[in-house]
Amino acid sequence: MTTLNQDIFKNSLNTQFSIQHADDKTQLTLIECSNLTSENVPDYERFSLIFESSDALLSQATYTLEHPAMGNQDLFLVPIHGDEKCFQYEAVINRKIDAA
């Protein structure tokens, strides 16, 4: 499993991720990767990922996202926006930075 860091996700902006759930597969596009790191806690990397899909609404849950370059990653997705055109989901990553 690849370490979840912001640079890896930034390099995957506007690419497709797949989620296999129940008997269906949903396609998501990573549309945003935002830095949330605080100077007060320099040992941690924090960032937000926004995914978009025109498929059916997914409930808030942990999903295994498949990506051709990144492999499989388990992320907790929260629906944050939805209308007749698309749904958006957010995942927030908060991880201790490995010592060099």
PDB file of N, CA and C in Angstrom:
ATOM      1  N   MET A   1       0.842  -1.175   0.000  1.00  0.00           N
ATOM      2  CA  MET A   1       0.000   0.000   0.000  1.00  0.00           C
ATOM      3  C   MET A   1       0.890   1.243   0.000  1.00  0.00           C
ATOM      4  N   THR A   2       0.575   2.197  -0.839  1.00  0.00           N
ATOM      5  CA  THR A   2       1.306   3.444  -0.953  1.00  0.00           C
ATOM      6  C   THR A   2       0.994   4.349   0.231  1.00  0.00           C
ATOM      7  N   THR A   3       2.020   5.064   0.726  1.00  0.00           N
ATOM      8  CA  THR A   3       1.787   6.038   1.791  1.00  0.00           C
ATOM      9  C   THR A   3       0.913   7.156   1.256  1.00  0.00           C
ATOM     10  N   LEU A   4      -0.118   7.483   2.001  1.00  0.00           N
ATOM     11  CA  LEU A   4      -1.023   8.551   1.589  1.00  0.00           C
ATOM     12  C   LEU A   4      -0.369   9.895   1.879  1.00  0.00           C
ATOM     13  N   ASN A   5       0.176  10.533   0.853  1.00  0.00           N
ATOM     14  CA  ASN A   5       0.686  11.879   1.065  1.00  0.00           C
ATOM     15  C   ASN A   5       0.113  12.812   0.013  1.00  0.00           C
ATOM     16  N   GLN A   6       0.176  14.084   0.334  1.00  0.00           N
ATOM     17  CA  GLN A   6      -0.487  15.085  -0.491  1.00  0.00           C
ATOM     18  C   GLN A   6       0.079  15.131  -1.912  1.00  0.00           C
ATOM     19  N   ASP A   7       1.385  14.999  -2.066  1.00  0.00           N
ATOM     20  CA  ASP A   7       1.987  15.069  -3.402  1.00  0.00           C
ATOM     21  C   ASP A   7       1.468  13.974  -4.327  1.00  0.00           C
ATOM     22  N   ILE A   8       1.311  12.779  -3.797  1.00  0.00           N
ATOM     23  CA  ILE A   8       0.799  11.675  -4.617  1.00  0.00           C
ATOM     24  C   ILE A   8      -0.607  11.991  -5.119  1.00  0.00           C
ATOM     25  N   PHE A   9      -1.456  12.510  -4.233  1.00  0.00           N
ATOM     26  CA  PHE A   9      -2.818  12.836  -4.657  1.00  0.00           C
ATOM     27  C   PHE A   9      -2.843  14.038  -5.601  1.00  0.00           C
ATOM     28  N   LYS A  10      -1.984  15.033  -5.382  1.00  0.00           N
ATOM     29  CA  LYS A  10      -1.941  16.180  -6.301  1.00  0.00           C
ATOM     30  C   LYS A  10      -1.564  15.729  -7.708  1.00  0.00           C
ATOM     31  N   ASN A  11      -0.681  14.742  -7.795  1.00  0.00           N
ATOM     32  CA  ASN A  11      -0.306  14.205  -9.107  1.00  0.00           C
ATOM     33  C   ASN A  11      -1.427  13.395  -9.746  1.00  0.00           C
ATOM     34  N   SER A  12      -2.452  13.075  -8.973  1.00  0.00           N
ATOM     35  CA  SER A  12      -3.585  12.295  -9.486  1.00  0.00           C
ATOM     36  C   SER A  12      -4.847  13.135  -9.669  1.00  0.00           C
ATOM     37  N   LEU A  13      -4.715  14.465  -9.589  1.00  0.00           N
ATOM     38  CA  LEU A  13      -5.880  15.328  -9.813  1.00  0.00           C
ATOM     39  C   LEU A  13      -6.456  15.083 -11.203  1.00  0.00           C
ATOM     40  N   ASN A  14      -7.770  15.137 -11.292  1.00  0.00           N
ATOM     41  CA  ASN A  14      -8.517  14.964 -12.544  1.00  0.00           C
ATOM     42  C   ASN A  14      -8.354  13.571 -13.152  1.00  0.00           C
ATOM     43  N   THR A  15      -8.053  12.585 -12.305  1.00  0.00           N
ATOM     44  CA  THR A  15      -8.008  11.198 -12.771  1.00  0.00           C
ATOM     45  C   THR A  15      -9.129  10.407 -12.101  1.00  0.00           C
ATOM     46  N   GLN A  16      -9.411   9.242 -12.656  1.00  0.00           N
ATOM     47  CA  GLN A  16     -10.530   8.411 -12.210  1.00  0.00           C
ATOM     48  C   GLN A  16     -10.116   7.418 -11.128  1.00  0.00           C
ATOM     49  N   PHE A  17     -10.970   7.290 -10.136  1.00  0.00           N
ATOM     50  CA  PHE A  17     -10.872   6.267  -9.104  1.00  0.00           C
ATOM     51  C   PHE A  17     -12.139   5.432  -9.195  1.00  0.00           C
ATOM     52  N   SER A  18     -12.052   4.147  -8.893  1.00  0.00           N
ATOM     53  CA  SER A  18     -13.216   3.254  -8.907  1.00  0.00           C
ATOM     54  C   SER A  18     -13.480   2.742  -7.508  1.00  0.00           C
ATOM     55  N   ILE A  19     -14.763   2.582  -7.194  1.00  0.00           N
ATOM     56  CA  ILE A  19     -15.184   1.983  -5.928  1.00  0.00           C
ATOM     57  C   ILE A  19     -16.088   0.810  -6.258  1.00  0.00           C
ATOM     58  N   GLN A  20     -15.741  -0.362  -5.755  1.00  0.00           N
ATOM     59  CA  GLN A  20     -16.613  -1.526  -5.879  1.00  0.00           C
ATOM     60  C   GLN A  20     -17.452  -1.601  -4.609  1.00  0.00           C
ATOM     61  N   HIS A  21     -18.762  -1.540  -4.734  1.00  0.00           N
ATOM     62  CA  HIS A  21     -19.651  -1.635  -3.575  1.00  0.00           C
ATOM     63  C   HIS A  21     -20.888  -2.418  -3.974  1.00  0.00           C
ATOM     64  N   ALA A  22     -21.347  -3.230  -3.048  1.00  0.00           N
ATOM     65  CA  ALA A  22     -22.490  -4.117  -3.318  1.00  0.00           C
ATOM     66  C   ALA A  22     -22.219  -4.838  -4.644  1.00  0.00           C
ATOM     67  N   ASP A  23     -23.137  -4.718  -5.587  1.00  0.00           N
ATOM     68  CA  ASP A  23     -22.961  -5.353  -6.898  1.00  0.00           C
ATOM     69  C   ASP A  23     -22.698  -4.325  -7.988  1.00  0.00           C
ATOM     70  N   ASP A  24     -22.162  -3.177  -7.605  1.00  0.00           N
ATOM     71  CA  ASP A  24     -22.001  -2.079  -8.549  1.00  0.00           C
ATOM     72  C   ASP A  24     -20.598  -1.490  -8.437  1.00  0.00           C
ATOM     73  N   LYS A  25     -20.204  -0.763  -9.469  1.00  0.00           N
ATOM     74  CA  LYS A  25     -18.928  -0.053  -9.462  1.00  0.00           C
ATOM     75  C   LYS A  25     -19.215   1.415  -9.749  1.00  0.00           C
ATOM     76  N   THR A  26     -18.651   2.303  -8.934  1.00  0.00           N
ATOM     77  CA  THR A  26     -18.840   3.740  -9.090  1.00  0.00           C
ATOM     78  C   THR A  26     -17.515   4.378  -9.471  1.00  0.00           C
ATOM     79  N   GLN A  27     -17.572   5.300 -10.425  1.00  0.00           N
ATOM     80  CA  GLN A  27     -16.392   6.046 -10.852  1.00  0.00           C
ATOM     81  C   GLN A  27     -16.394   7.418 -10.188  1.00  0.00           C
ATOM     82  N   LEU A  28     -15.250   7.792  -9.619  1.00  0.00           N
ATOM     83  CA  LEU A  28     -15.074   9.099  -8.997  1.00  0.00           C
ATOM     84  C   LEU A  28     -13.892   9.794  -9.656  1.00  0.00           C
ATOM     85  N   THR A  29     -13.973  11.123  -9.776  1.00  0.00           N
ATOM     86  CA  THR A  29     -12.860  11.924 -10.267  1.00  0.00           C
ATOM     87  C   THR A  29     -12.334  12.767  -9.122  1.00  0.00           C
ATOM     88  N   LEU A  30     -11.030  12.735  -8.898  1.00  0.00           N
ATOM     89  CA  LEU A  30     -10.417  13.588  -7.881  1.00  0.00           C
ATOM     90  C   LEU A  30     -10.315  14.995  -8.454  1.00  0.00           C
ATOM     91  N   ILE A  31     -11.067  15.957  -7.874  1.00  0.00           N
ATOM     92  CA  ILE A  31     -11.111  17.306  -8.433  1.00  0.00           C
ATOM     93  C   ILE A  31     -10.377  18.342  -7.588  1.00  0.00           C
ATOM     94  N   GLU A  32     -10.030  17.990  -6.349  1.00  0.00           N
ATOM     95  CA  GLU A  32      -9.367  18.973  -5.490  1.00  0.00           C
ATOM     96  C   GLU A  32      -8.532  18.268  -4.426  1.00  0.00           C
ATOM     97  N   CYS A  33      -7.378  18.864  -4.123  1.00  0.00           N
ATOM     98  CA  CYS A  33      -6.510  18.398  -3.037  1.00  0.00           C
ATOM     99  C   CYS A  33      -6.026  19.650  -2.318  1.00  0.00           C
ATOM    100  N   SER A  34      -6.523  19.885  -1.104  1.00  0.00           N
ATOM    101  CA  SER A  34      -6.253  21.126  -0.372  1.00  0.00           C
ATOM    102  C   SER A  34      -5.417  20.871   0.872  1.00  0.00           C
ATOM    103  N   ASN A  35      -4.418  21.702   1.063  1.00  0.00           N
ATOM    104  CA  ASN A  35      -3.549  21.612   2.231  1.00  0.00           C
ATOM    105  C   ASN A  35      -4.276  22.118   3.472  1.00  0.00           C
ATOM    106  N   LEU A  36      -4.255  21.343   4.549  1.00  0.00           N
ATOM    107  CA  LEU A  36      -4.850  21.739   5.829  1.00  0.00           C
ATOM    108  C   LEU A  36      -3.805  21.751   6.945  1.00  0.00           C
ATOM    109  N   THR A  37      -2.525  21.609   6.589  1.00  0.00           N
ATOM    110  CA  THR A  37      -1.460  21.511   7.587  1.00  0.00           C
ATOM    111  C   THR A  37      -1.338  22.810   8.368  1.00  0.00           C
ATOM    112  N   SER A  38      -1.127  22.667   9.665  1.00  0.00           N
ATOM    113  CA  SER A  38      -0.990  23.808  10.569  1.00  0.00           C
ATOM    114  C   SER A  38       0.459  23.952  11.007  1.00  0.00           C
ATOM    115  N   GLU A  39       0.925  25.188  11.108  1.00  0.00           N
ATOM    116  CA  GLU A  39       2.276  25.439  11.619  1.00  0.00           C
ATOM    117  C   GLU A  39       2.398  25.031  13.078  1.00  0.00           C
ATOM    118  N   ASN A  40       1.278  24.966  13.782  1.00  0.00           N
ATOM    119  CA  ASN A  40       1.287  24.602  15.201  1.00  0.00           C
ATOM    120  C   ASN A  40       1.599  23.129  15.433  1.00  0.00           C
ATOM    121  N   VAL A  41       1.400  22.307  14.417  1.00  0.00           N
ATOM    122  CA  VAL A  41       1.654  20.866  14.541  1.00  0.00           C
ATOM    123  C   VAL A  41       2.482  20.432  13.322  1.00  0.00           C
ATOM    124  N   PRO A  42       3.778  20.750  13.325  1.00  0.00           N
ATOM    125  CA  PRO A  42       4.593  20.509  12.129  1.00  0.00           C
ATOM    126  C   PRO A  42       4.878  19.041  11.828  1.00  0.00           C
ATOM    127  N   ASP A  43       4.649  18.149  12.778  1.00  0.00           N
ATOM    128  CA  ASP A  43       4.939  16.726  12.561  1.00  0.00           C
ATOM    129  C   ASP A  43       3.833  15.995  11.808  1.00  0.00           C
ATOM    130  N   TYR A  44       2.755  16.690  11.485  1.00  0.00           N
ATOM    131  CA  TYR A  44       1.612  16.050  10.830  1.00  0.00           C
ATOM    132  C   TYR A  44       1.304  16.725   9.503  1.00  0.00           C
ATOM    133  N   GLU A  45       0.922  15.894   8.542  1.00  0.00           N
ATOM    134  CA  GLU A  45       0.446  16.380   7.255  1.00  0.00           C
ATOM    135  C   GLU A  45      -1.066  16.212   7.236  1.00  0.00           C
ATOM    136  N   ARG A  46      -1.768  17.279   6.889  1.00  0.00           N
ATOM    137  CA  ARG A  46      -3.232  17.243   6.811  1.00  0.00           C
ATOM    138  C   ARG A  46      -3.654  17.796   5.456  1.00  0.00           C
ATOM    139  N   PHE A  47      -4.574  17.083   4.815  1.00  0.00           N
ATOM    140  CA  PHE A  47      -5.096  17.583   3.553  1.00  0.00           C
ATOM    141  C   PHE A  47      -6.475  16.994   3.291  1.00  0.00           C
ATOM    142  N   SER A  48      -7.202  17.679   2.438  1.00  0.00           N
ATOM    143  CA  SER A  48      -8.565  17.296   2.086  1.00  0.00           C
ATOM    144  C   SER A  48      -8.608  16.911   0.615  1.00  0.00           C
ATOM    145  N   LEU A  49      -9.363  15.865   0.323  1.00  0.00           N
ATOM    146  CA  LEU A  49      -9.569  15.420  -1.052  1.00  0.00           C
ATOM    147  C   LEU A  49     -11.042  15.563  -1.395  1.00  0.00           C
ATOM    148  N   ILE A  50     -11.336  16.127  -2.546  1.00  0.00           N
ATOM    149  CA  ILE A  50     -12.716  16.230  -3.026  1.00  0.00           C
ATOM    150  C   ILE A  50     -12.834  15.398  -4.299  1.00  0.00           C
ATOM    151  N   PHE A  51     -13.784  14.473  -4.271  1.00  0.00           N
ATOM    152  CA  PHE A  51     -14.080  13.609  -5.410  1.00  0.00           C
ATOM    153  C   PHE A  51     -15.463  13.966  -5.942  1.00  0.00           C
ATOM    154  N   GLU A  52     -15.661  13.745  -7.244  1.00  0.00           N
ATOM    155  CA  GLU A  52     -16.955  14.031  -7.868  1.00  0.00           C
ATOM    156  C   GLU A  52     -17.385  12.824  -8.692  1.00  0.00           C
ATOM    157  N   SER A  53     -18.709  12.588  -8.711  1.00  0.00           N
ATOM    158  CA  SER A  53     -19.261  11.470  -9.475  1.00  0.00           C
ATOM    159  C   SER A  53     -20.659  11.814  -9.956  1.00  0.00           C
ATOM    160  N   SER A  54     -20.982  11.348 -11.141  1.00  0.00           N
ATOM    161  CA  SER A  54     -22.353  11.508 -11.643  1.00  0.00           C
ATOM    162  C   SER A  54     -23.172  10.241 -11.403  1.00  0.00           C
ATOM    163  N   ASP A  55     -22.548   9.225 -10.785  1.00  0.00           N
ATOM    164  CA  ASP A  55     -23.249   7.982 -10.459  1.00  0.00           C
ATOM    165  C   ASP A  55     -24.163   8.192  -9.253  1.00  0.00           C
ATOM    166  N   ALA A  56     -24.771   7.145  -8.790  1.00  0.00           N
ATOM    167  CA  ALA A  56     -25.703   7.199  -7.655  1.00  0.00           C
ATOM    168  C   ALA A  56     -25.001   7.674  -6.382  1.00  0.00           C
ATOM    169  N   LEU A  57     -25.771   8.273  -5.491  1.00  0.00           N
ATOM    170  CA  LEU A  57     -25.257   8.782  -4.218  1.00  0.00           C
ATOM    171  C   LEU A  57     -24.739   7.639  -3.352  1.00  0.00           C
ATOM    172  N   LEU A  58     -23.530   7.811  -2.826  1.00  0.00           N
ATOM    173  CA  LEU A  58     -22.937   6.858  -1.884  1.00  0.00           C
ATOM    174  C   LEU A  58     -23.168   7.360  -0.469  1.00  0.00           C
ATOM    175  N   SER A  59     -23.379   6.455   0.457  1.00  0.00           N
ATOM    176  CA  SER A  59     -23.531   6.856   1.856  1.00  0.00           C
ATOM    177  C   SER A  59     -22.155   7.089   2.473  1.00  0.00           C
ATOM    178  N   GLN A  60     -22.138   7.803   3.587  1.00  0.00           N
ATOM    179  CA  GLN A  60     -20.904   8.039   4.331  1.00  0.00           C
ATOM    180  C   GLN A  60     -20.371   6.703   4.826  1.00  0.00           C
ATOM    181  N   ALA A  61     -19.145   6.369   4.431  1.00  0.00           N
ATOM    182  CA  ALA A  61     -18.577   5.066   4.800  1.00  0.00           C
ATOM    183  C   ALA A  61     -17.125   4.998   4.353  1.00  0.00           C
ATOM    184  N   THR A  62     -16.453   3.934   4.756  1.00  0.00           N
ATOM    185  CA  THR A  62     -15.102   3.653   4.281  1.00  0.00           C
ATOM    186  C   THR A  62     -15.208   2.797   3.023  1.00  0.00           C
ATOM    187  N   TYR A  63     -14.538   3.235   1.967  1.00  0.00           N
ATOM    188  CA  TYR A  63     -14.550   2.534   0.687  1.00  0.00           C
ATOM    189  C   TYR A  63     -13.118   2.250   0.255  1.00  0.00           C
ATOM    190  N   THR A  64     -12.943   1.179  -0.501  1.00  0.00           N
ATOM    191  CA  THR A  64     -11.655   0.908  -1.124  1.00  0.00           C
ATOM    192  C   THR A  64     -11.664   1.553  -2.499  1.00  0.00           C
ATOM    193  N   LEU A  65     -10.826   2.571  -2.665  1.00  0.00           N
ATOM    194  CA  LEU A  65     -10.707   3.257  -3.944  1.00  0.00           C
ATOM    195  C   LEU A  65      -9.585   2.615  -4.739  1.00  0.00           C
ATOM    196  N   GLU A  66      -9.881   2.303  -5.999  1.00  0.00           N
ATOM    197  CA  GLU A  66      -8.903   1.696  -6.896  1.00  0.00           C
ATOM    198  C   GLU A  66      -8.436   2.751  -7.892  1.00  0.00           C
ATOM    199  N   HIS A  67      -7.120   2.820  -8.091  1.00  0.00           N
ATOM    200  CA  HIS A  67      -6.547   3.774  -9.041  1.00  0.00           C
ATOM    201  C   HIS A  67      -5.417   3.070  -9.795  1.00  0.00           C
ATOM    202  N   PRO A  68      -5.330   3.252 -11.115  1.00  0.00           N
ATOM    203  CA  PRO A  68      -4.327   2.525 -11.891  1.00  0.00           C
ATOM    204  C   PRO A  68      -2.886   2.772 -11.427  1.00  0.00           C
ATOM    205  N   ALA A  69      -2.547   3.997 -11.032  1.00  0.00           N
ATOM    206  CA  ALA A  69      -1.175   4.312 -10.623  1.00  0.00           C
ATOM    207  C   ALA A  69      -0.940   4.142  -9.128  1.00  0.00           C
ATOM    208  N   MET A  70      -1.983   4.340  -8.317  1.00  0.00           N
ATOM    209  CA  MET A  70      -1.832   4.327  -6.859  1.00  0.00           C
ATOM    210  C   MET A  70      -2.222   3.005  -6.220  1.00  0.00           C
ATOM    211  N   GLY A  71      -2.879   2.153  -6.953  1.00  0.00           N
ATOM    212  CA  GLY A  71      -3.353   0.903  -6.370  1.00  0.00           C
ATOM    213  C   GLY A  71      -4.616   1.128  -5.553  1.00  0.00           C
ATOM    214  N   ASN A  72      -4.814   0.311  -4.522  1.00  0.00           N
ATOM    215  CA  ASN A  72      -6.020   0.391  -3.689  1.00  0.00           C
ATOM    216  C   ASN A  72      -5.738   1.153  -2.404  1.00  0.00           C
ATOM    217  N   GLN A  73      -6.671   2.025  -2.033  1.00  0.00           N
ATOM    218  CA  GLN A  73      -6.574   2.806  -0.799  1.00  0.00           C
ATOM    219  C   GLN A  73      -7.935   2.802  -0.121  1.00  0.00           C
ATOM    220  N   ASP A  74      -7.955   2.541   1.176  1.00  0.00           N
ATOM    221  CA  ASP A  74      -9.194   2.641   1.950  1.00  0.00           C
ATOM    222  C   ASP A  74      -9.330   4.065   2.469  1.00  0.00           C
ATOM    223  N   LEU A  75     -10.435   4.725   2.097  1.00  0.00           N
ATOM    224  CA  LEU A  75     -10.691   6.097   2.532  1.00  0.00           C
ATOM    225  C   LEU A  75     -12.112   6.219   3.053  1.00  0.00           C
ATOM    226  N   PHE A  76     -12.268   7.033   4.086  1.00  0.00           N
ATOM    227  CA  PHE A  76     -13.585   7.346   4.631  1.00  0.00           C
ATOM    228  C   PHE A  76     -14.126   8.531   3.845  1.00  0.00           C
ATOM    229  N   LEU A  77     -15.211   8.325   3.090  1.00  0.00           N
ATOM    230  CA  LEU A  77     -15.808   9.362   2.253  1.00  0.00           C
ATOM    231  C   LEU A  77     -17.089   9.885   2.877  1.00  0.00           C
ATOM    232  N   VAL A  78     -17.241  11.208   2.814  1.00  0.00           N
ATOM    233  CA  VAL A  78     -18.427  11.880   3.331  1.00  0.00           C
ATOM    234  C   VAL A  78     -19.065  12.651   2.182  1.00  0.00           C
ATOM    235  N   PRO A  79     -20.358  12.423   1.900  1.00  0.00           N
ATOM    236  CA  PRO A  79     -21.017  13.228   0.872  1.00  0.00           C
ATOM    237  C   PRO A  79     -21.128  14.675   1.356  1.00  0.00           C
ATOM    238  N   ILE A  80     -20.701  15.631   0.506  1.00  0.00           N
ATOM    239  CA  ILE A  80     -20.736  17.045   0.907  1.00  0.00           C
ATOM    240  C   ILE A  80     -21.595  17.903  -0.009  1.00  0.00           C
ATOM    241  N   HIS A  81     -21.948  17.384  -1.183  1.00  0.00           N
ATOM    242  CA  HIS A  81     -22.771  18.154  -2.118  1.00  0.00           C
ATOM    243  C   HIS A  81     -23.431  17.185  -3.088  1.00  0.00           C
ATOM    244  N   GLY A  82     -24.631  17.515  -3.477  1.00  0.00           N
ATOM    245  CA  GLY A  82     -25.317  16.704  -4.471  1.00  0.00           C
ATOM    246  C   GLY A  82     -26.416  17.494  -5.142  1.00  0.00           C
ATOM    247  N   ASP A  83     -26.560  17.308  -6.432  1.00  0.00           N
ATOM    248  CA  ASP A  83     -27.676  17.880  -7.179  1.00  0.00           C
ATOM    249  C   ASP A  83     -28.003  16.929  -8.328  1.00  0.00           C
ATOM    250  N   GLU A  84     -28.794  17.376  -9.278  1.00  0.00           N
ATOM    251  CA  GLU A  84     -29.209  16.481 -10.361  1.00  0.00           C
ATOM    252  C   GLU A  84     -28.067  16.135 -11.317  1.00  0.00           C
ATOM    253  N   LYS A  85     -26.939  16.866 -11.248  1.00  0.00           N
ATOM    254  CA  LYS A  85     -25.816  16.625 -12.156  1.00  0.00           C
ATOM    255  C   LYS A  85     -24.720  15.746 -11.563  1.00  0.00           C
ATOM    256  N   CYS A  86     -24.428  15.945 -10.274  1.00  0.00           N
ATOM    257  CA  CYS A  86     -23.306  15.198  -9.698  1.00  0.00           C
ATOM    258  C   CYS A  86     -23.371  15.182  -8.171  1.00  0.00           C
ATOM    259  N   PHE A  87     -22.518  14.347  -7.602  1.00  0.00           N
ATOM    260  CA  PHE A  87     -22.341  14.261  -6.151  1.00  0.00           C
ATOM    261  C   PHE A  87     -20.868  14.497  -5.854  1.00  0.00           C
ATOM    262  N   GLN A  88     -20.600  15.152  -4.719  1.00  0.00           N
ATOM    263  CA  GLN A  88     -19.223  15.360  -4.284  1.00  0.00           C
ATOM    264  C   GLN A  88     -19.013  14.723  -2.924  1.00  0.00           C
ATOM    265  N   TYR A  89     -17.786  14.213  -2.741  1.00  0.00           N
ATOM    266  CA  TYR A  89     -17.416  13.511  -1.511  1.00  0.00           C
ATOM    267  C   TYR A  89     -16.080  14.057  -1.025  1.00  0.00           C
ATOM    268  N   GLU A  90     -15.921  14.096   0.300  1.00  0.00           N
ATOM    269  CA  GLU A  90     -14.666  14.569   0.877  1.00  0.00           C
ATOM    270  C   GLU A  90     -14.030  13.476   1.724  1.00  0.00           C
ATOM    271  N   ALA A  91     -12.713  13.383   1.627  1.00  0.00           N
ATOM    272  CA  ALA A  91     -11.904  12.547   2.516  1.00  0.00           C
ATOM    273  C   ALA A  91     -10.848  13.460   3.121  1.00  0.00           C
ATOM    274  N   VAL A  92     -10.647  13.379   4.434  1.00  0.00           N
ATOM    275  CA  VAL A  92      -9.631  14.184   5.108  1.00  0.00           C
ATOM    276  C   VAL A  92      -8.540  13.245   5.611  1.00  0.00           C
ATOM    277  N   ILE A  93      -7.314  13.556   5.247  1.00  0.00           N
ATOM    278  CA  ILE A  93      -6.155  12.760   5.648  1.00  0.00           C
ATOM    279  C   ILE A  93      -5.391  13.542   6.712  1.00  0.00           C
ATOM    280  N   ASN A  94      -5.075  12.874   7.808  1.00  0.00           N
ATOM    281  CA  ASN A  94      -4.292  13.451   8.897  1.00  0.00           C
ATOM    282  C   ASN A  94      -3.278  12.387   9.295  1.00  0.00           C
ATOM    283  N   ARG A  95      -2.015  12.596   8.934  1.00  0.00           N
ATOM    284  CA  ARG A  95      -1.030  11.544   9.179  1.00  0.00           C
ATOM    285  C   ARG A  95       0.261  12.124   9.728  1.00  0.00           C
ATOM    286  N   LYS A  96       0.919  11.344  10.571  1.00  0.00           N
ATOM    287  CA  LYS A  96       2.220  11.729  11.114  1.00  0.00           C
ATOM    288  C   LYS A  96       3.253  11.580  10.004  1.00  0.00           C
ATOM    289  N   ILE A  97       4.062  12.612   9.836  1.00  0.00           N
ATOM    290  CA  ILE A  97       5.101  12.588   8.812  1.00  0.00           C
ATOM    291  C   ILE A  97       6.246  11.711   9.299  1.00  0.00           C
ATOM    292  N   ASP A  98       6.678  10.803   8.443  1.00  0.00           N
ATOM    293  CA  ASP A  98       7.783   9.903   8.787  1.00  0.00           C
ATOM    294  C   ASP A  98       9.068  10.693   8.964  1.00  0.00           C
ATOM    295  N   ALA A  99       9.842  10.356   9.987  1.00  0.00           N
ATOM    296  CA  ALA A  99      11.136  11.004  10.211  1.00  0.00           C
ATOM    297  C   ALA A  99      12.111  10.577   9.126  1.00  0.00           C
ATOM    298  N   ALA A 100      12.880  11.532   8.642  1.00  0.00           N
ATOM    299  CA  ALA A 100      13.837  11.231   7.553  1.00  0.00           C
ATOM    300  C   ALA A 100      15.135  10.676   8.086  1.00  0.00           C
TER     301      ALA A 100
END
